[in-house]
Structure formats: C-alpha cells, structure tokens
Amino acid sequence: MQEAIRNKGIRNIKQKLCNNHNEAIEFINNNLKYPVIVKPIDSAATEGVTYCIDESHVLNAFKNFLNKENIFGIINTQMLVQEFLKGTE
C-alpha cells in the first residue's frame, strides 16, 4: 500500500524490506530515527509487530520472527522496517 501511495507522489511512511538485521540497522541509521516499527511481512494482524527504541530491539525482532513460521505455517523471509508515526489510528 505504501509503495502505491509513494508512486503517486504522496508523502508516506519511509520503509524498507530487509533480509537481515544489518540491512535494517543501515537503513535506520541512514534514513530514520528511533523509535521505528519492525514487522514480518508474512504474518497476520499484529503478530510480530515490534516497537523498537534502539538497535537491540531491532536485533531481537529479527531473532524472534525472521525465518520463523507464522500462525498460518508460512515462513517469514523478510522484515519490514518503517518509520514510527505518532498519532491516533
């Protein structure tokens, strides 16, 4: 969804699909500031959505969910790192 919004030239959430925590940390250091949201791309609802205040939280999110099976039996092969937007949903 965010990619479709970006393609229309509308401001949106900064995000990146990452294959490992090093790639995520590099993206965060170059493009974002903490806190950030890290979540597996193949999970359901809020499963695995992690609010990260520092690099150690990012590492833990990757350890807990990358290459792990979700509730549907699908392996999470990538994690999405997004900027955190404060506000009401």
C-alpha atoms as a PDB file:
ATOM      1  CA  MET A   1       0.000   0.000   0.000  1.00  0.00           C
ATOM      2  CA  GLN A   2       2.740   2.483   0.944  1.00  0.00           C
ATOM      3  CA  GLU A   3       4.529   1.798  -2.340  1.00  0.00           C
ATOM      4  CA  ALA A   4       1.365   2.599  -4.328  1.00  0.00           C
ATOM      5  CA  ILE A   5       0.974   5.860  -2.403  1.00  0.00           C
ATOM      6  CA  ARG A   6       4.641   6.724  -2.997  1.00  0.00           C
ATOM      7  CA  ASN A   7       4.262   6.025  -6.734  1.00  0.00           C
ATOM      8  CA  LYS A   8       1.504   8.672  -6.848  1.00  0.00           C
ATOM      9  CA  GLY A   9       3.844  11.248  -5.311  1.00  0.00           C
ATOM     10  CA  ILE A  10       2.039  11.421  -1.961  1.00  0.00           C
ATOM     11  CA  ARG A  11       4.078  11.659   1.248  1.00  0.00           C
ATOM     12  CA  ASN A  12       4.041   8.342   3.039  1.00  0.00           C
ATOM     13  CA  ILE A  13       5.810   6.185   5.576  1.00  0.00           C
ATOM     14  CA  LYS A  14       9.514   5.622   4.958  1.00  0.00           C
ATOM     15  CA  GLN A  15      10.070   1.891   4.859  1.00  0.00           C
ATOM     16  CA  LYS A  16      12.300  -0.883   3.571  1.00  0.00           C
ATOM     17  CA  LEU A  17      12.034  -4.649   3.229  1.00  0.00           C
ATOM     18  CA  CYS A  18      15.108  -6.145   4.872  1.00  0.00           C
ATOM     19  CA  ASN A  19      16.638  -9.608   4.688  1.00  0.00           C
ATOM     20  CA  ASN A  20      18.696  -9.303   7.886  1.00  0.00           C
ATOM     21  CA  HIS A  21      19.179  -7.035  10.880  1.00  0.00           C
ATOM     22  CA  ASN A  22      22.376  -5.468   9.487  1.00  0.00           C
ATOM     23  CA  GLU A  23      20.465  -4.237   6.441  1.00  0.00           C
ATOM     24  CA  ALA A  24      17.754  -2.883   8.753  1.00  0.00           C
ATOM     25  CA  ILE A  25      20.220  -1.045  11.003  1.00  0.00           C
ATOM     26  CA  GLU A  26      21.934   0.512   7.975  1.00  0.00           C
ATOM     27  CA  PHE A  27      18.570   1.718   6.633  1.00  0.00           C
ATOM     28  CA  ILE A  28      17.570   3.133  10.016  1.00  0.00           C
ATOM     29  CA  ASN A  29      20.918   4.886  10.533  1.00  0.00           C
ATOM     30  CA  ASN A  30      20.786   6.471   7.065  1.00  0.00           C
ATOM     31  CA  ASN A  31      17.075   7.302   6.795  1.00  0.00           C
ATOM     32  CA  LEU A  32      15.201   7.203  10.092  1.00  0.00           C
ATOM     33  CA  LYS A  33      15.494   7.856  13.783  1.00  0.00           C
ATOM     34  CA  TYR A  34      14.206   5.806  16.678  1.00  0.00           C
ATOM     35  CA  PRO A  35      11.611   4.688  17.523  1.00  0.00           C
ATOM     36  CA  VAL A  36      10.842   2.519  14.482  1.00  0.00           C
ATOM     37  CA  ILE A  37       8.438  -0.301  13.715  1.00  0.00           C
ATOM     38  CA  VAL A  38       9.731  -3.710  12.600  1.00  0.00           C
ATOM     39  CA  LYS A  39       7.355  -6.407  11.431  1.00  0.00           C
ATOM     40  CA  PRO A  40       7.432  -9.660   9.492  1.00  0.00           C
ATOM     41  CA  ILE A  41       5.856  -9.355   6.052  1.00  0.00           C
ATOM     42  CA  ASP A  42       4.100 -12.710   6.113  1.00  0.00           C
ATOM     43  CA  SER A  43       2.335 -12.531   9.461  1.00  0.00           C
ATOM     44  CA  ALA A  44      -1.260 -11.774  10.290  1.00  0.00           C
ATOM     45  CA  ALA A  45      -2.787  -8.815  12.122  1.00  0.00           C
ATOM     46  CA  THR A  46      -0.341  -7.532  14.743  1.00  0.00           C
ATOM     47  CA  GLU A  47       1.677 -10.759  15.065  1.00  0.00           C
ATOM     48  CA  GLY A  48       5.325  -9.777  15.266  1.00  0.00           C
ATOM     49  CA  VAL A  49       4.806  -6.010  15.052  1.00  0.00           C
ATOM     50  CA  THR A  50       7.603  -4.627  17.214  1.00  0.00           C
ATOM     51  CA  TYR A  51       8.122  -1.077  18.513  1.00  0.00           C
ATOM     52  CA  CYS A  52      11.887  -0.595  18.593  1.00  0.00           C
ATOM     53  CA  ILE A  53      13.590   2.157  20.574  1.00  0.00           C
ATOM     54  CA  ASP A  54      17.139   1.137  19.722  1.00  0.00           C
ATOM     55  CA  GLU A  55      19.329  -1.278  17.778  1.00  0.00           C
ATOM     56  CA  SER A  56      18.975  -4.047  20.366  1.00  0.00           C
ATOM     57  CA  HIS A  57      15.197  -4.073  19.911  1.00  0.00           C
ATOM     58  CA  VAL A  58      15.648  -4.333  16.130  1.00  0.00           C
ATOM     59  CA  LEU A  59      18.005  -7.273  16.586  1.00  0.00           C
ATOM     60  CA  ASN A  60      15.519  -9.006  18.902  1.00  0.00           C
ATOM     61  CA  ALA A  61      12.670  -8.507  16.419  1.00  0.00           C
ATOM     62  CA  PHE A  62      14.744 -10.167  13.697  1.00  0.00           C
ATOM     63  CA  LYS A  63      15.769 -13.008  16.025  1.00  0.00           C
ATOM     64  CA  ASN A  64      12.183 -13.631  17.072  1.00  0.00           C
ATOM     65  CA  PHE A  65      10.453 -13.502  13.696  1.00  0.00           C
ATOM     66  CA  LEU A  66      12.809 -13.727  10.693  1.00  0.00           C
ATOM     67  CA  ASN A  67      12.837 -17.234   9.197  1.00  0.00           C
ATOM     68  CA  LYS A  68      10.223 -18.323  11.742  1.00  0.00           C
ATOM     69  CA  GLU A  69       6.827 -19.819  10.975  1.00  0.00           C
ATOM     70  CA  ASN A  70       3.750 -17.628  11.425  1.00  0.00           C
ATOM     71  CA  ILE A  71       0.330 -18.783  12.674  1.00  0.00           C
ATOM     72  CA  PHE A  72      -0.532 -19.981   9.152  1.00  0.00           C
ATOM     73  CA  GLY A  73       2.605 -22.098   8.787  1.00  0.00           C
ATOM     74  CA  ILE A  74       4.310 -19.618   6.427  1.00  0.00           C
ATOM     75  CA  ILE A  75       7.988 -18.773   6.994  1.00  0.00           C
ATOM     76  CA  ASN A  76       8.737 -15.058   7.395  1.00  0.00           C
ATOM     77  CA  THR A  77      11.573 -14.477   4.942  1.00  0.00           C
ATOM     78  CA  GLN A  78      11.804 -10.685   5.240  1.00  0.00           C
ATOM     79  CA  MET A  79      11.067  -7.982   7.778  1.00  0.00           C
ATOM     80  CA  LEU A  80       9.615  -4.571   7.062  1.00  0.00           C
ATOM     81  CA  VAL A  81      11.218  -1.591   8.804  1.00  0.00           C
ATOM     82  CA  GLN A  82       9.051   1.523   8.976  1.00  0.00           C
ATOM     83  CA  GLU A  83       9.325   4.941  10.499  1.00  0.00           C
ATOM     84  CA  PHE A  84       7.111   5.378  13.536  1.00  0.00           C
ATOM     85  CA  LEU A  85       4.349   7.929  13.151  1.00  0.00           C
ATOM     86  CA  LYS A  86       2.882   9.226  16.394  1.00  0.00           C
ATOM     87  CA  GLY A  87      -0.825   9.888  16.468  1.00  0.00           C
ATOM     88  CA  THR A  88      -4.230   8.286  16.679  1.00  0.00           C
ATOM     89  CA  GLU A  89      -5.106   5.451  14.377  1.00  0.00           C
END
